[in-house]
Amino acid sequence: MTDRRRVRTRKRGTYFRYYIITASILTLLIALAFFTPQIIFQVQDMILCKDTSLSRQENVNVESLSTTYEKSLETRMTDYAEGLAGDDAFYVASQNLSVNEELSAYFYSDSCIYGDFMSSLIYARLLPYDLWEMEYAVSQWKQYVIYSDNFTKGVNFILWYIELQDSAGRTFKLLADAEDGTIYAVKTEGNPVFQEPELMNESYEQRYFMDKFGRSAVEMWGFCALYYAAIDETEVKNFYILAEELSWEDVSMISGSATVDKEREMVLNALNISEDRRELLEKIQFYTKDKDTEVFRLPYGSFSLEMVMKLPTMVGAPMDAETYSNITIGIREIYEMIPEFA
């Protein structure tokens, strides 16, 4: 091969490499133009998700999640309590639902309005009897999902938010488990508040505060702890036996000092009871947050959740009147995630 031919061959090889390099660069630039914004947005999302404890994600597939939903209420509550104690970030997704027969079948059933939880609140005049008489109409039905970054545990709660109103504009709000019907919170708005002292027989305020530090508060803790699977039926029986033996007033005094740990420890140490009974007493904790709010701590392993009763006082309500007010009752750590309960 002559020198001239060798030069031409080298030039063609060089030009070919230039073409390949140029084409590769153009392809890379085009790809970056398409994908760089997506990469940036994904990085931004990752950063924002770490700093956000409440996020509206509308694309969560609830039907697929429900197939792996934890069936045990105790496990759901324990996982949630552990996650909160571990500073996990929790998020909420929502979607509107169309009112249908499924909703009515649940609401007017033994799992909801005719169940022990709701019935006890209605008999205590905290909720209106009108709920039993079907005088409220459903105004809103939504699905909420509470979940964390720990997807290995699945979602924490699949919820129904149900809102009803009567002809007078009174509103009743309910937050329930969409799978097993467990009621996590109730709220009333627009209910009357009596202010006529001359109508007073025994006011709601008097009856509430008389019972708060006595047997009723202790029984309420036991009822809530069993309903939310913080204790089992055997523990409930032992709890009632212990309360009878020590006296309900003593148990109330010990349990009601939940925020005074040193005082509580001193009282427990002074009791001549077995270790298992002491452990049971240590589970029973409630305290008064303010004049209208009672808090019942429900134990889940080494952690706890708070069942809160916000009952604004009503002055001058006669005994035969509708003595319920605007209330909020439920698991605080759950209902605070829901905008309608904020």
Protein backbone atom coordinates (compact mmCIF):
# COMPACT_ATOMS: atom_id res chain seq x y z
CA MET A 1 0.00 0.00 0.00
CA THR A 2 1.41 3.43 -0.96
CA ASP A 3 1.90 6.21 1.55
CA ARG A 4 -0.85 8.28 -0.08
CA ARG A 5 -3.33 5.38 0.23
CA ARG A 6 -2.36 4.84 3.88
CA VAL A 7 -3.05 8.50 4.67
CA ARG A 8 -6.49 8.34 2.98
CA THR A 9 -7.34 5.17 4.97
CA ARG A 10 -6.33 6.82 8.28
CA LYS A 11 -8.40 9.88 7.46
CA ARG A 12 -11.48 7.77 6.70
CA GLY A 13 -11.02 5.92 10.05
CA THR A 14 -10.62 9.20 11.89
CA TYR A 15 -13.72 10.67 10.22
CA PHE A 16 -15.70 7.52 11.11
CA ARG A 17 -14.69 7.79 14.77
CA TYR A 18 -15.66 11.46 14.78
CA TYR A 19 -19.10 10.53 13.38
CA ILE A 20 -19.56 7.87 16.08
CA ILE A 21 -18.50 10.21 18.88
CA THR A 22 -20.68 13.05 17.55
CA ALA A 23 -23.71 10.76 17.20
CA SER A 24 -23.16 9.43 20.72
CA ILE A 25 -22.96 12.94 22.16
CA LEU A 26 -26.14 13.99 20.35
CA THR A 27 -27.95 10.87 21.58
CA LEU A 28 -26.81 11.58 25.14
CA LEU A 29 -27.94 15.21 24.94
CA ILE A 30 -31.34 14.19 23.63
CA ALA A 31 -31.72 11.58 26.42
CA LEU A 32 -30.70 14.13 29.06
CA ALA A 33 -33.22 16.60 27.67
CA PHE A 34 -35.97 14.03 28.14
CA PHE A 35 -34.96 12.44 31.43
CA THR A 36 -33.10 15.08 33.45
CA PRO A 37 -36.30 16.88 34.60
CA GLN A 38 -37.77 13.56 35.75
CA ILE A 39 -34.59 12.70 37.66
CA ILE A 40 -34.59 16.11 39.30
CA PHE A 41 -38.25 15.82 40.28
CA GLN A 42 -37.67 12.35 41.71
CA VAL A 43 -34.77 13.61 43.81
CA GLN A 44 -36.89 16.55 44.96
CA ASP A 45 -39.72 14.20 45.88
CA MET A 46 -37.37 12.00 47.89
CA ILE A 47 -36.10 15.02 49.81
CA LEU A 48 -39.57 16.42 50.43
CA CYS A 49 -40.98 13.08 51.54
CA LYS A 50 -38.33 12.83 54.25
CA ASP A 51 -39.40 16.20 55.68
CA THR A 52 -43.16 15.76 55.37
CA SER A 53 -45.32 13.91 57.89
CA LEU A 54 -48.65 14.45 56.10
CA SER A 55 -48.98 14.14 52.31
CA ARG A 56 -51.95 13.79 49.98
CA GLN A 57 -51.16 10.98 47.54
CA GLU A 58 -54.21 10.39 45.35
CA ASN A 59 -52.83 7.45 43.34
CA VAL A 60 -52.72 4.79 46.06
CA ASN A 61 -54.43 1.62 44.87
CA VAL A 62 -56.64 0.78 47.85
CA GLU A 63 -58.06 -2.41 46.30
CA SER A 64 -54.61 -3.95 45.89
CA LEU A 65 -53.55 -2.83 49.37
CA SER A 66 -56.62 -4.35 51.01
CA THR A 67 -55.59 -7.85 49.91
CA THR A 68 -52.56 -7.70 52.23
CA TYR A 69 -54.17 -5.55 54.93
CA GLU A 70 -53.31 -6.66 58.47
CA LYS A 71 -56.39 -8.42 59.87
CA SER A 72 -55.40 -8.16 63.54
CA LEU A 73 -56.47 -4.90 65.17
CA GLU A 74 -53.90 -5.41 67.92
CA THR A 75 -51.10 -5.76 65.37
CA ARG A 76 -52.27 -2.72 63.40
CA MET A 77 -52.36 -0.58 66.52
CA THR A 78 -49.04 -1.92 67.83
CA ASP A 79 -47.25 -1.33 64.52
CA TYR A 80 -48.63 2.21 64.42
CA ALA A 81 -47.60 2.96 68.02
CA GLU A 82 -44.12 1.58 67.37
CA GLY A 83 -43.81 3.62 64.18
CA LEU A 84 -44.80 6.83 65.93
CA ALA A 85 -42.38 6.14 68.77
CA GLY A 86 -39.66 5.49 66.20
CA ASP A 87 -40.30 8.84 64.48
CA ASP A 88 -41.51 7.20 61.26
CA ALA A 89 -43.07 9.58 58.75
CA PHE A 90 -46.74 8.82 58.06
CA TYR A 91 -48.77 9.91 55.06
CA VAL A 92 -52.45 9.95 54.15
CA ALA A 93 -54.17 9.35 50.81
CA SER A 94 -57.85 9.98 50.11
CA GLN A 95 -60.54 9.52 47.51
CA ASN A 96 -64.23 10.36 47.40
CA LEU A 97 -66.74 7.49 47.32
CA SER A 98 -70.29 7.39 46.00
CA VAL A 99 -72.88 6.63 48.65
CA ASN A 100 -74.38 3.19 48.09
CA GLU A 101 -76.02 0.26 49.89
CA GLU A 102 -72.68 -0.96 51.24
CA LEU A 103 -72.38 2.18 53.33
CA SER A 104 -75.93 1.94 54.69
CA ALA A 105 -75.47 -1.74 55.47
CA TYR A 106 -72.39 -0.96 57.54
CA PHE A 107 -73.68 2.15 59.29
CA TYR A 108 -76.96 0.57 60.45
CA SER A 109 -75.37 -2.61 61.73
CA ASP A 110 -74.03 -4.12 64.95
CA SER A 111 -70.55 -3.09 63.86
CA CYS A 112 -71.49 0.58 63.84
CA ILE A 113 -74.52 2.46 65.12
CA TYR A 114 -76.07 -0.53 66.92
CA GLY A 115 -72.75 -1.81 68.31
CA ASP A 116 -71.53 -1.54 71.89
CA PHE A 117 -69.20 1.39 71.24
CA MET A 118 -71.78 3.67 69.63
CA SER A 119 -74.62 2.48 71.87
CA SER A 120 -72.67 3.33 75.01
CA LEU A 121 -72.10 6.88 73.73
CA ILE A 122 -75.75 7.30 72.81
CA TYR A 123 -76.97 5.96 76.17
CA ALA A 124 -74.54 8.37 77.88
CA ARG A 125 -76.23 11.22 75.93
CA LEU A 126 -72.98 12.07 74.20
CA LEU A 127 -74.45 11.26 70.78
CA PRO A 128 -78.01 12.02 69.63
CA TYR A 129 -80.72 9.36 69.66
CA ASP A 130 -81.64 10.62 66.20
CA LEU A 131 -78.81 8.51 64.80
CA TRP A 132 -80.84 5.41 65.71
CA GLU A 133 -83.98 6.88 64.19
CA MET A 134 -82.35 7.45 60.79
CA GLU A 135 -83.02 11.18 60.85
CA TYR A 136 -79.52 11.93 59.59
CA ALA A 137 -78.64 11.76 55.89
CA VAL A 138 -75.16 10.93 54.55
CA SER A 139 -73.56 14.07 53.10
CA GLN A 140 -70.06 12.72 52.46
CA TRP A 141 -68.24 9.38 52.20
CA LYS A 142 -64.49 9.17 51.67
CA GLN A 143 -61.76 6.56 51.76
CA TYR A 144 -58.54 7.38 53.63
CA VAL A 145 -55.34 5.35 53.79
CA ILE A 146 -52.64 5.97 56.40
CA TYR A 147 -49.23 4.54 55.56
CA SER A 148 -45.53 5.06 56.21
CA ASP A 149 -42.25 4.66 54.32
CA ASN A 150 -41.93 1.16 55.75
CA PHE A 151 -43.80 -0.69 52.99
CA THR A 152 -42.75 -4.09 54.37
CA LYS A 153 -45.44 -3.64 57.02
CA GLY A 154 -48.07 -2.62 54.46
CA VAL A 155 -50.49 0.22 55.06
CA ASN A 156 -51.37 1.06 58.66
CA PHE A 157 -55.07 1.85 58.24
CA ILE A 158 -57.69 1.75 55.50
CA LEU A 159 -60.45 4.06 56.72
CA TRP A 160 -63.94 5.23 55.90
CA TYR A 161 -64.82 8.81 56.70
CA ILE A 162 -68.61 9.17 56.93
CA GLU A 163 -70.34 12.51 57.45
CA LEU A 164 -74.05 12.90 58.14
CA GLN A 165 -76.36 15.88 58.66
CA ASP A 166 -79.91 16.31 59.91
CA SER A 167 -82.52 18.84 58.81
CA ALA A 168 -81.41 21.30 61.51
CA GLY A 169 -77.84 21.32 60.19
CA ARG A 170 -76.33 19.24 62.99
CA THR A 171 -73.35 17.23 61.76
CA PHE A 172 -72.10 13.80 62.83
CA LYS A 173 -68.68 12.56 61.70
CA LEU A 174 -67.45 9.00 61.91
CA LEU A 175 -64.02 7.49 61.22
CA ALA A 176 -64.08 3.70 60.91
CA ASP A 177 -61.94 0.86 59.63
CA ALA A 178 -63.05 0.01 56.09
CA GLU A 179 -62.21 -3.67 56.56
CA ASP A 180 -63.46 -4.69 60.02
CA GLY A 181 -65.67 -1.73 61.03
CA THR A 182 -63.67 -0.67 64.10
CA ILE A 183 -64.66 2.88 65.04
CA TYR A 184 -61.59 5.05 65.52
CA ALA A 185 -63.29 8.41 66.12
CA VAL A 186 -66.60 10.28 66.25
CA LYS A 187 -67.30 13.99 66.21
CA THR A 188 -70.43 16.14 66.46
CA GLU A 189 -70.89 19.73 65.32
CA GLY A 190 -73.76 22.19 65.56
CA ASN A 191 -75.42 20.58 68.58
CA PRO A 192 -77.26 22.81 71.08
CA VAL A 193 -75.62 24.07 74.26
CA PHE A 194 -78.02 24.81 77.11
CA GLN A 195 -77.37 28.03 79.00
CA GLU A 196 -80.54 28.45 81.16
CA PRO A 197 -79.51 27.99 84.84
CA GLU A 198 -83.16 27.92 85.94
CA LEU A 199 -83.59 24.64 84.02
CA MET A 200 -80.79 22.96 85.96
CA ASN A 201 -81.64 19.74 87.75
CA GLU A 202 -78.30 17.98 87.72
CA SER A 203 -76.07 19.43 85.06
CA TYR A 204 -74.03 17.49 82.56
CA GLU A 205 -70.97 19.23 84.00
CA GLN A 206 -71.71 18.04 87.53
CA ARG A 207 -72.39 14.45 86.51
CA TYR A 208 -69.29 14.29 84.33
CA PHE A 209 -66.89 15.60 86.95
CA MET A 210 -68.45 13.47 89.71
CA ASP A 211 -67.79 10.35 87.65
CA LYS A 212 -64.47 11.34 86.15
CA PHE A 213 -62.35 10.43 89.16
CA GLY A 214 -64.46 7.50 90.27
CA ARG A 215 -65.59 4.18 88.92
CA SER A 216 -66.76 5.48 85.55
CA ALA A 217 -63.29 6.61 84.44
CA VAL A 218 -61.75 3.27 85.39
CA GLU A 219 -64.50 1.34 83.61
CA MET A 220 -64.12 3.57 80.56
CA TRP A 221 -60.42 2.74 80.37
CA GLY A 222 -61.22 -0.99 80.53
CA PHE A 223 -63.91 -0.68 77.86
CA CYS A 224 -61.65 1.25 75.48
CA ALA A 225 -58.63 -0.97 76.10
CA LEU A 226 -60.67 -4.07 75.25
CA TYR A 227 -62.40 -2.49 72.25
CA TYR A 228 -59.09 -1.39 70.73
CA ALA A 229 -57.36 -4.71 71.57
CA ALA A 230 -54.86 -3.18 73.99
CA ILE A 231 -55.79 -5.92 76.48
CA ASP A 232 -57.63 -9.23 76.11
CA GLU A 233 -60.74 -10.55 77.85
CA THR A 234 -58.73 -12.42 80.50
CA GLU A 235 -56.94 -9.21 81.46
CA VAL A 236 -60.28 -7.40 81.63
CA LYS A 237 -61.64 -9.97 84.09
CA ASN A 238 -58.50 -9.71 86.21
CA PHE A 239 -58.74 -5.94 85.98
CA TYR A 240 -62.29 -5.93 87.40
CA ILE A 241 -61.37 -8.41 90.16
CA LEU A 242 -58.42 -6.22 91.13
CA ALA A 243 -60.58 -3.09 91.15
CA GLU A 244 -63.12 -4.76 93.44
CA GLU A 245 -60.42 -5.96 95.85
CA LEU A 246 -58.46 -2.71 96.02
CA SER A 247 -61.58 -0.55 95.59
CA TRP A 248 -62.46 1.37 92.46
CA GLU A 249 -61.48 4.63 94.12
CA ASP A 250 -57.93 3.42 94.84
CA VAL A 251 -57.49 2.13 91.30
CA SER A 252 -58.82 5.43 89.98
CA MET A 253 -56.41 7.38 92.20
CA ILE A 254 -53.44 5.30 91.04
CA SER A 255 -54.43 5.24 87.36
CA GLY A 256 -55.45 8.88 87.27
CA SER A 257 -51.94 9.98 88.19
CA ALA A 258 -50.60 8.88 84.79
CA THR A 259 -48.74 12.14 84.29
CA VAL A 260 -47.12 12.07 87.72
CA ASP A 261 -44.78 9.13 87.29
CA LYS A 262 -42.88 9.48 90.57
CA GLU A 263 -46.06 9.70 92.63
CA ARG A 264 -47.52 6.74 90.76
CA GLU A 265 -44.38 4.68 91.40
CA MET A 266 -44.50 5.44 95.12
CA VAL A 267 -48.13 4.33 95.40
CA LEU A 268 -47.48 1.12 93.45
CA ASN A 269 -44.50 0.31 95.64
CA ALA A 270 -46.61 0.74 98.76
CA LEU A 271 -49.20 -1.81 97.59
CA ASN A 272 -48.81 -5.38 98.77
CA ILE A 273 -49.79 -7.06 95.50
CA SER A 274 -48.29 -9.71 93.23
CA GLU A 275 -46.08 -8.81 90.28
CA ASP A 276 -48.69 -9.73 87.67
CA ARG A 277 -51.27 -7.50 89.37
CA ARG A 278 -48.80 -4.68 89.54
CA GLU A 279 -48.14 -5.07 85.80
CA LEU A 280 -51.89 -4.87 85.18
CA LEU A 281 -52.19 -1.73 87.30
CA GLU A 282 -49.30 -0.15 85.43
CA LYS A 283 -51.25 -0.56 82.17
CA ILE A 284 -54.25 1.38 83.48
CA GLN A 285 -53.47 5.04 82.85
CA PHE A 286 -55.70 8.05 82.28
CA TYR A 287 -55.46 11.71 83.11
CA THR A 288 -57.28 15.01 82.74
CA LYS A 289 -55.65 17.20 80.11
CA ASP A 290 -57.92 20.19 80.71
CA LYS A 291 -61.41 20.82 82.08
CA ASP A 292 -63.01 19.42 78.93
CA THR A 293 -60.57 16.68 77.92
CA GLU A 294 -59.92 13.24 79.37
CA VAL A 295 -57.10 11.09 77.98
CA PHE A 296 -56.93 7.29 78.29
CA ARG A 297 -53.55 5.74 77.47
CA LEU A 298 -53.86 2.38 75.77
CA PRO A 299 -50.76 0.14 76.02
CA TYR A 300 -49.32 -1.64 72.98
CA GLY A 301 -46.15 -3.39 74.02
CA SER A 302 -43.68 -0.80 75.24
CA PHE A 303 -45.64 2.01 73.58
CA SER A 304 -49.10 3.54 73.79
CA LEU A 305 -51.81 5.41 71.90
CA GLU A 306 -54.23 7.93 73.36
CA MET A 307 -58.00 7.52 73.37
CA VAL A 308 -59.25 11.08 73.89
CA MET A 309 -62.66 12.31 75.04
CA LYS A 310 -63.20 16.03 74.35
CA LEU A 311 -66.47 16.90 76.07
CA PRO A 312 -67.19 20.63 76.28
CA THR A 313 -69.14 21.35 79.46
CA MET A 314 -72.82 22.25 79.22
CA VAL A 315 -74.23 24.49 81.92
CA GLY A 316 -77.84 24.13 82.98
CA ALA A 317 -78.81 21.11 80.89
CA PRO A 318 -81.81 19.35 82.44
CA MET A 319 -81.59 15.58 82.93
CA ASP A 320 -84.40 14.88 80.45
CA ALA A 321 -82.88 17.08 77.73
CA GLU A 322 -80.52 16.17 74.92
CA THR A 323 -77.37 16.81 76.93
CA TYR A 324 -74.79 16.03 74.27
CA SER A 325 -72.58 18.84 73.06
CA ASN A 326 -70.02 19.27 70.31
CA ILE A 327 -67.65 16.40 71.11
CA THR A 328 -64.66 14.54 69.73
CA ILE A 329 -63.98 11.00 70.92
CA GLY A 330 -61.39 8.64 69.47
CA ILE A 331 -57.78 7.62 68.95
CA ARG A 332 -55.97 10.95 68.76
CA GLU A 333 -53.00 9.74 66.70
CA ILE A 334 -55.40 8.48 64.02
CA TYR A 335 -58.08 11.18 63.83
CA GLU A 336 -55.49 13.98 63.82
CA MET A 337 -54.34 12.70 60.42
CA ILE A 338 -57.80 13.35 58.95
CA PRO A 339 -58.54 16.96 57.86
CA GLU A 340 -62.24 16.75 58.77
CA PHE A 341 -61.29 16.03 62.38
CA ALA A 342 -58.66 18.77 62.61
